């Protein structure tokens, strides 16, 4: 059996991290759309990804998705 693939990405400061292995907290708007995804790494490193949406008919579509931004400092 193959080992799981670990995906390491970089935040806006170029620091590598693996978001899939870390705890997350989310915020949502009144329509149930995810607004922020906050990833907390040991040592109090906090990274945040934000989303915006546009309404098309009755559907809400992701308009923008930010990079992971290091919000620790």
PDB file of N, CA and C in Angstrom:
ATOM      1  N   UNK A   1       0.841  -1.168   0.000  1.00  0.00           N
ATOM      2  CA  UNK A   1       0.000   0.000   0.000  1.00  0.00           C
ATOM      3  C   UNK A   1       0.891   1.237   0.000  1.00  0.00           C
ATOM      4  N   UNK A   2       0.560   2.194  -0.839  1.00  0.00           N
ATOM      5  CA  UNK A   2       1.350   3.417  -0.958  1.00  0.00           C
ATOM      6  C   UNK A   2       1.148   4.314   0.262  1.00  0.00           C
ATOM      7  N   UNK A   3       2.193   5.026   0.613  1.00  0.00           N
ATOM      8  CA  UNK A   3       2.101   5.989   1.710  1.00  0.00           C
ATOM      9  C   UNK A   3       1.299   7.195   1.252  1.00  0.00           C
ATOM     10  N   UNK A   4       0.564   7.836   2.181  1.00  0.00           N
ATOM     11  CA  UNK A   4      -0.172   9.035   1.784  1.00  0.00           C
ATOM     12  C   UNK A   4       0.787  10.145   1.348  1.00  0.00           C
ATOM     13  N   UNK A   5       0.338  10.935   0.402  1.00  0.00           N
ATOM     14  CA  UNK A   5       1.151  12.035  -0.100  1.00  0.00           C
ATOM     15  C   UNK A   5       0.977  13.233   0.817  1.00  0.00           C
ATOM     16  N   UNK A   6       2.073  13.803   1.241  1.00  0.00           N
ATOM     17  CA  UNK A   6       2.043  14.994   2.091  1.00  0.00           C
ATOM     18  C   UNK A   6       2.267  16.203   1.194  1.00  0.00           C
ATOM     19  N   UNK A   7       1.330  17.146   1.245  1.00  0.00           N
ATOM     20  CA  UNK A   7       1.423  18.340   0.411  1.00  0.00           C
ATOM     21  C   UNK A   7       1.904  19.504   1.267  1.00  0.00           C
ATOM     22  N   UNK A   8       3.052  20.020   0.933  1.00  0.00           N
ATOM     23  CA  UNK A   8       3.610  21.166   1.641  1.00  0.00           C
ATOM     24  C   UNK A   8       3.538  22.354   0.692  1.00  0.00           C
ATOM     25  N   UNK A   9       2.934  23.446   1.181  1.00  0.00           N
ATOM     26  CA  UNK A   9       2.828  24.659   0.379  1.00  0.00           C
ATOM     27  C   UNK A   9       3.514  25.801   1.111  1.00  0.00           C
ATOM     28  N   UNK A  10       3.559  26.969   0.492  1.00  0.00           N
ATOM     29  CA  UNK A  10       4.184  28.135   1.118  1.00  0.00           C
ATOM     30  C   UNK A  10       3.146  29.223   1.347  1.00  0.00           C
ATOM     31  N   UNK A  11       3.323  29.952   2.463  1.00  0.00           N
ATOM     32  CA  UNK A  11       2.435  31.080   2.733  1.00  0.00           C
ATOM     33  C   UNK A  11       2.952  32.310   1.992  1.00  0.00           C
ATOM     34  N   UNK A  12       2.327  33.461   2.226  1.00  0.00           N
ATOM     35  CA  UNK A  12       2.708  34.684   1.522  1.00  0.00           C
ATOM     36  C   UNK A  12       4.125  35.163   1.842  1.00  0.00           C
ATOM     37  N   UNK A  13       4.714  34.644   2.909  1.00  0.00           N
ATOM     38  CA  UNK A  13       6.086  34.998   3.263  1.00  0.00           C
ATOM     39  C   UNK A  13       7.092  33.950   2.783  1.00  0.00           C
ATOM     40  N   UNK A  14       6.606  32.940   2.077  1.00  0.00           N
ATOM     41  CA  UNK A  14       7.476  31.894   1.563  1.00  0.00           C
ATOM     42  C   UNK A  14       7.811  30.802   2.553  1.00  0.00           C
ATOM     43  N   UNK A  15       7.129  30.794   3.715  1.00  0.00           N
ATOM     44  CA  UNK A  15       7.394  29.774   4.730  1.00  0.00           C
ATOM     45  C   UNK A  15       6.570  28.524   4.424  1.00  0.00           C
ATOM     46  N   UNK A  16       7.219  27.353   4.346  1.00  0.00           N
ATOM     47  CA  UNK A  16       6.502  26.119   4.023  1.00  0.00           C
ATOM     48  C   UNK A  16       5.677  25.600   5.206  1.00  0.00           C
ATOM     49  N   UNK A  17       4.522  24.987   4.886  1.00  0.00           N
ATOM     50  CA  UNK A  17       3.707  24.327   5.901  1.00  0.00           C
ATOM     51  C   UNK A  17       2.764  23.351   5.215  1.00  0.00           C
ATOM     52  N   UNK A  18       2.210  22.440   5.999  1.00  0.00           N
ATOM     53  CA  UNK A  18       1.292  21.410   5.499  1.00  0.00           C
ATOM     54  C   UNK A  18      -0.094  21.659   6.099  1.00  0.00           C
ATOM     55  N   UNK A  19      -0.976  22.393   5.410  1.00  0.00           N
ATOM     56  CA  UNK A  19      -2.274  22.730   5.995  1.00  0.00           C
ATOM     57  C   UNK A  19      -3.155  21.517   6.297  1.00  0.00           C
ATOM     58  N   UNK A  20      -2.966  20.421   5.568  1.00  0.00           N
ATOM     59  CA  UNK A  20      -3.806  19.236   5.802  1.00  0.00           C
ATOM     60  C   UNK A  20      -3.506  18.563   7.134  1.00  0.00           C
ATOM     61  N   UNK A  21      -2.339  18.826   7.710  1.00  0.00           N
ATOM     62  CA  UNK A  21      -1.968  18.168   8.959  1.00  0.00           C
ATOM     63  C   UNK A  21      -2.237  19.034  10.188  1.00  0.00           C
ATOM     64  N   UNK A  22      -2.825  20.217   9.984  1.00  0.00           N
ATOM     65  CA  UNK A  22      -3.001  21.170  11.074  1.00  0.00           C
ATOM     66  C   UNK A  22      -4.474  21.441  11.352  1.00  0.00           C
ATOM     67  N   UNK A  23      -4.802  21.884  12.584  1.00  0.00           N
ATOM     68  CA  UNK A  23      -6.195  22.217  12.908  1.00  0.00           C
ATOM     69  C   UNK A  23      -6.625  23.504  12.202  1.00  0.00           C
ATOM     70  N   UNK A  24      -7.925  23.578  11.907  1.00  0.00           N
ATOM     71  CA  UNK A  24      -8.502  24.731  11.213  1.00  0.00           C
ATOM     72  C   UNK A  24      -9.708  25.260  11.983  1.00  0.00           C
ATOM     73  N   UNK A  25      -9.964  26.555  11.809  1.00  0.00           N
ATOM     74  CA  UNK A  25     -11.188  27.194  12.304  1.00  0.00           C
ATOM     75  C   UNK A  25     -11.756  27.975  11.131  1.00  0.00           C
ATOM     76  N   UNK A  26     -13.088  28.015  11.023  1.00  0.00           N
ATOM     77  CA  UNK A  26     -13.741  28.638   9.877  1.00  0.00           C
ATOM     78  C   UNK A  26     -14.744  29.681  10.331  1.00  0.00           C
ATOM     79  N   UNK A  27     -14.965  30.697   9.481  1.00  0.00           N
ATOM     80  CA  UNK A  27     -16.082  31.612   9.668  1.00  0.00           C
ATOM     81  C   UNK A  27     -16.934  31.555   8.406  1.00  0.00           C
ATOM     82  N   UNK A  28     -18.238  31.823   8.591  1.00  0.00           N
ATOM     83  CA  UNK A  28     -19.200  31.741   7.488  1.00  0.00           C
ATOM     84  C   UNK A  28     -20.086  32.974   7.488  1.00  0.00           C
ATOM     85  N   UNK A  29     -20.625  33.320   6.312  1.00  0.00           N
ATOM     86  CA  UNK A  29     -21.584  34.414   6.241  1.00  0.00           C
ATOM     87  C   UNK A  29     -23.001  33.869   6.447  1.00  0.00           C
ATOM     88  N   UNK A  30     -23.983  34.752   6.393  1.00  0.00           N
ATOM     89  CA  UNK A  30     -25.378  34.366   6.653  1.00  0.00           C
ATOM     90  C   UNK A  30     -25.924  33.377   5.628  1.00  0.00           C
ATOM     91  N   UNK A  31     -25.271  33.275   4.464  1.00  0.00           N
ATOM     92  CA  UNK A  31     -25.706  32.338   3.431  1.00  0.00           C
ATOM     93  C   UNK A  31     -25.010  30.984   3.525  1.00  0.00           C
ATOM     94  N   UNK A  32     -24.126  30.835   4.510  1.00  0.00           N
ATOM     95  CA  UNK A  32     -23.408  29.574   4.686  1.00  0.00           C
ATOM     96  C   UNK A  32     -22.127  29.479   3.885  1.00  0.00           C
ATOM     97  N   UNK A  33     -21.704  30.581   3.268  1.00  0.00           N
ATOM     98  CA  UNK A  33     -20.455  30.590   2.509  1.00  0.00           C
ATOM     99  C   UNK A  33     -19.271  30.761   3.451  1.00  0.00           C
ATOM    100  N   UNK A  34     -18.226  29.980   3.216  1.00  0.00           N
ATOM    101  CA  UNK A  34     -17.021  30.085   4.053  1.00  0.00           C
ATOM    102  C   UNK A  34     -16.306  31.398   3.733  1.00  0.00           C
ATOM    103  N   UNK A  35     -16.075  32.225   4.749  1.00  0.00           N
ATOM    104  CA  UNK A  35     -15.389  33.509   4.567  1.00  0.00           C
ATOM    105  C   UNK A  35     -13.906  33.424   4.871  1.00  0.00           C
ATOM    106  N   UNK A  36     -13.561  32.689   5.949  1.00  0.00           N
ATOM    107  CA  UNK A  36     -12.154  32.540   6.308  1.00  0.00           C
ATOM    108  C   UNK A  36     -11.860  31.102   6.718  1.00  0.00           C
ATOM    109  N   UNK A  37     -10.647  30.707   6.445  1.00  0.00           N
ATOM    110  CA  UNK A  37     -10.108  29.422   6.882  1.00  0.00           C
ATOM    111  C   UNK A  37      -8.835  29.773   7.636  1.00  0.00           C
ATOM    112  N   UNK A  38      -8.821  29.530   8.937  1.00  0.00           N
ATOM    113  CA  UNK A  38      -7.665  29.850   9.766  1.00  0.00           C
ATOM    114  C   UNK A  38      -6.974  28.559  10.160  1.00  0.00           C
ATOM    115  N   UNK A  39      -5.681  28.500   9.894  1.00  0.00           N
ATOM    116  CA  UNK A  39      -4.867  27.313  10.157  1.00  0.00           C
ATOM    117  C   UNK A  39      -3.860  27.676  11.249  1.00  0.00           C
ATOM    118  N   UNK A  40      -3.821  26.886  12.315  1.00  0.00           N
ATOM    119  CA  UNK A  40      -2.967  27.202  13.458  1.00  0.00           C
ATOM    120  C   UNK A  40      -1.903  26.123  13.619  1.00  0.00           C
ATOM    121  N   UNK A  41      -0.653  26.557  13.534  1.00  0.00           N
ATOM    122  CA  UNK A  41       0.470  25.637  13.651  1.00  0.00           C
ATOM    123  C   UNK A  41       1.079  25.758  15.041  1.00  0.00           C
ATOM    124  N   UNK A  42       1.654  24.667  15.519  1.00  0.00           N
ATOM    125  CA  UNK A  42       2.313  24.678  16.827  1.00  0.00           C
ATOM    126  C   UNK A  42       3.339  25.809  16.853  1.00  0.00           C
ATOM    127  N   UNK A  43       3.398  26.509  17.965  1.00  0.00           N
ATOM    128  CA  UNK A  43       4.285  27.650  18.064  1.00  0.00           C
ATOM    129  C   UNK A  43       3.572  28.946  17.750  1.00  0.00           C
ATOM    130  N   UNK A  44       2.240  28.882  17.667  1.00  0.00           N
ATOM    131  CA  UNK A  44       1.381  30.056  17.482  1.00  0.00           C
ATOM    132  C   UNK A  44       1.523  30.717  16.118  1.00  0.00           C
ATOM    133  N   UNK A  45       1.872  29.954  15.102  1.00  0.00           N
ATOM    134  CA  UNK A  45       1.877  30.498  13.750  1.00  0.00           C
ATOM    135  C   UNK A  45       0.454  30.370  13.209  1.00  0.00           C
ATOM    136  N   UNK A  46      -0.123  31.505  12.840  1.00  0.00           N
ATOM    137  CA  UNK A  46      -1.506  31.542  12.359  1.00  0.00           C
ATOM    138  C   UNK A  46      -1.501  32.001  10.899  1.00  0.00           C
ATOM    139  N   UNK A  47      -2.158  31.222  10.058  1.00  0.00           N
ATOM    140  CA  UNK A  47      -2.282  31.583   8.645  1.00  0.00           C
ATOM    141  C   UNK A  47      -3.762  31.626   8.298  1.00  0.00           C
ATOM    142  N   UNK A  48      -4.151  32.601   7.475  1.00  0.00           N
ATOM    143  CA  UNK A  48      -5.560  32.788   7.131  1.00  0.00           C
ATOM    144  C   UNK A  48      -5.721  32.864   5.624  1.00  0.00           C
ATOM    145  N   UNK A  49      -6.736  32.171   5.129  1.00  0.00           N
ATOM    146  CA  UNK A  49      -7.133  32.234   3.726  1.00  0.00           C
ATOM    147  C   UNK A  49      -8.536  32.817   3.707  1.00  0.00           C
ATOM    148  N   UNK A  50      -8.803  33.783   2.823  1.00  0.00           N
ATOM    149  CA  UNK A  50     -10.123  34.409   2.759  1.00  0.00           C
ATOM    150  C   UNK A  50     -10.786  34.147   1.407  1.00  0.00           C
ATOM    151  N   UNK A  51     -12.114  34.219   1.424  1.00  0.00           N
ATOM    152  CA  UNK A  51     -12.915  33.955   0.228  1.00  0.00           C
ATOM    153  C   UNK A  51     -13.938  35.072   0.049  1.00  0.00           C
ATOM    154  N   UNK A  52     -14.229  35.410  -1.209  1.00  0.00           N
ATOM    155  CA  UNK A  52     -15.363  36.286  -1.520  1.00  0.00           C
ATOM    156  C   UNK A  52     -16.233  35.564  -2.539  1.00  0.00           C
ATOM    157  N   UNK A  53     -17.498  35.981  -2.588  1.00  0.00           N
ATOM    158  CA  UNK A  53     -18.482  35.294  -3.426  1.00  0.00           C
ATOM    159  C   UNK A  53     -19.264  36.286  -4.258  1.00  0.00           C
ATOM    160  N   UNK A  54     -19.804  35.793  -5.360  1.00  0.00           N
ATOM    161  CA  UNK A  54     -20.709  36.565  -6.200  1.00  0.00           C
ATOM    162  C   UNK A  54     -21.969  35.717  -6.391  1.00  0.00           C
ATOM    163  N   UNK A  55     -23.121  36.378  -6.330  1.00  0.00           N
ATOM    164  CA  UNK A  55     -24.376  35.654  -6.507  1.00  0.00           C
ATOM    165  C   UNK A  55     -24.738  35.643  -7.986  1.00  0.00           C
ATOM    166  N   UNK A  56     -25.012  34.445  -8.510  1.00  0.00           N
ATOM    167  CA  UNK A  56     -25.438  34.257  -9.888  1.00  0.00           C
ATOM    168  C   UNK A  56     -26.774  33.523  -9.826  1.00  0.00           C
ATOM    169  N   UNK A  57     -27.857  34.250 -10.076  1.00  0.00           N
ATOM    170  CA  UNK A  57     -29.180  33.662  -9.899  1.00  0.00           C
ATOM    171  C   UNK A  57     -29.383  33.356  -8.429  1.00  0.00           C
ATOM    172  N   UNK A  58     -29.629  32.092  -8.125  1.00  0.00           N
ATOM    173  CA  UNK A  58     -29.811  31.695  -6.730  1.00  0.00           C
ATOM    174  C   UNK A  58     -28.551  31.058  -6.141  1.00  0.00           C
ATOM    175  N   UNK A  59     -27.503  30.947  -6.959  1.00  0.00           N
ATOM    176  CA  UNK A  59     -26.260  30.298  -6.514  1.00  0.00           C
ATOM    177  C   UNK A  59     -25.219  31.328  -6.088  1.00  0.00           C
ATOM    178  N   UNK A  60     -24.385  30.940  -5.138  1.00  0.00           N
ATOM    179  CA  UNK A  60     -23.243  31.751  -4.726  1.00  0.00           C
ATOM    180  C   UNK A  60     -21.976  31.071  -5.231  1.00  0.00           C
ATOM    181  N   UNK A  61     -21.179  31.786  -6.022  1.00  0.00           N
ATOM    182  CA  UNK A  61     -19.956  31.230  -6.586  1.00  0.00           C
ATOM    183  C   UNK A  61     -18.743  31.909  -5.974  1.00  0.00           C
ATOM    184  N   UNK A  62     -17.688  31.136  -5.764  1.00  0.00           N
ATOM    185  CA  UNK A  62     -16.447  31.716  -5.232  1.00  0.00           C
ATOM    186  C   UNK A  62     -15.914  32.687  -6.286  1.00  0.00           C
ATOM    187  N   UNK A  63     -15.720  33.924  -5.862  1.00  0.00           N
ATOM    188  CA  UNK A  63     -15.172  34.939  -6.763  1.00  0.00           C
ATOM    189  C   UNK A  63     -13.663  35.059  -6.586  1.00  0.00           C
ATOM    190  N   UNK A  64     -13.211  35.080  -5.321  1.00  0.00           N
ATOM    191  CA  UNK A  64     -11.772  35.128  -5.051  1.00  0.00           C
ATOM    192  C   UNK A  64     -11.429  34.191  -3.898  1.00  0.00           C
ATOM    193  N   UNK A  65     -10.224  33.666  -3.952  1.00  0.00           N
ATOM    194  CA  UNK A  65      -9.659  32.850  -2.868  1.00  0.00           C
ATOM    195  C   UNK A  65      -8.237  33.330  -2.677  1.00  0.00           C
ATOM    196  N   UNK A  66      -7.927  33.828  -1.497  1.00  0.00           N
ATOM    197  CA  UNK A  66      -6.590  34.383  -1.258  1.00  0.00           C
ATOM    198  C   UNK A  66      -5.568  33.273  -1.060  1.00  0.00           C
ATOM    199  N   UNK A  67      -4.328  33.691  -1.095  1.00  0.00           N
ATOM    200  CA  UNK A  67      -3.240  32.806  -0.685  1.00  0.00           C
ATOM    201  C   UNK A  67      -3.290  32.668   0.829  1.00  0.00           C
ATOM    202  N   UNK A  68      -2.543  31.734   1.359  1.00  0.00           N
ATOM    203  CA  UNK A  68      -2.414  31.642   2.808  1.00  0.00           C
ATOM    204  C   UNK A  68      -1.575  32.822   3.295  1.00  0.00           C
ATOM    205  N   UNK A  69      -2.130  33.639   4.167  1.00  0.00           N
ATOM    206  CA  UNK A  69      -1.442  34.820   4.671  1.00  0.00           C
ATOM    207  C   UNK A  69      -1.017  34.575   6.115  1.00  0.00           C
ATOM    208  N   UNK A  70       0.272  34.763   6.376  1.00  0.00           N
ATOM    209  CA  UNK A  70       0.771  34.604   7.739  1.00  0.00           C
ATOM    210  C   UNK A  70       0.309  35.801   8.567  1.00  0.00           C
ATOM    211  N   UNK A  71      -0.592  35.539   9.510  1.00  0.00           N
ATOM    212  CA  UNK A  71      -1.177  36.596  10.341  1.00  0.00           C
ATOM    213  C   UNK A  71      -0.638  36.555  11.766  1.00  0.00           C
ATOM    214  N   UNK A  72       0.519  35.960  11.960  1.00  0.00           N
ATOM    215  CA  UNK A  72       1.085  35.755  13.289  1.00  0.00           C
ATOM    216  C   UNK A  72       1.631  37.024  13.900  1.00  0.00           C
ATOM    217  N   UNK A  73       2.078  37.939  13.091  1.00  0.00           N
ATOM    218  CA  UNK A  73       2.769  39.114  13.635  1.00  0.00           C
ATOM    219  C   UNK A  73       1.941  40.343  13.506  1.00  0.00           C
TER     220      UNK A  73
END
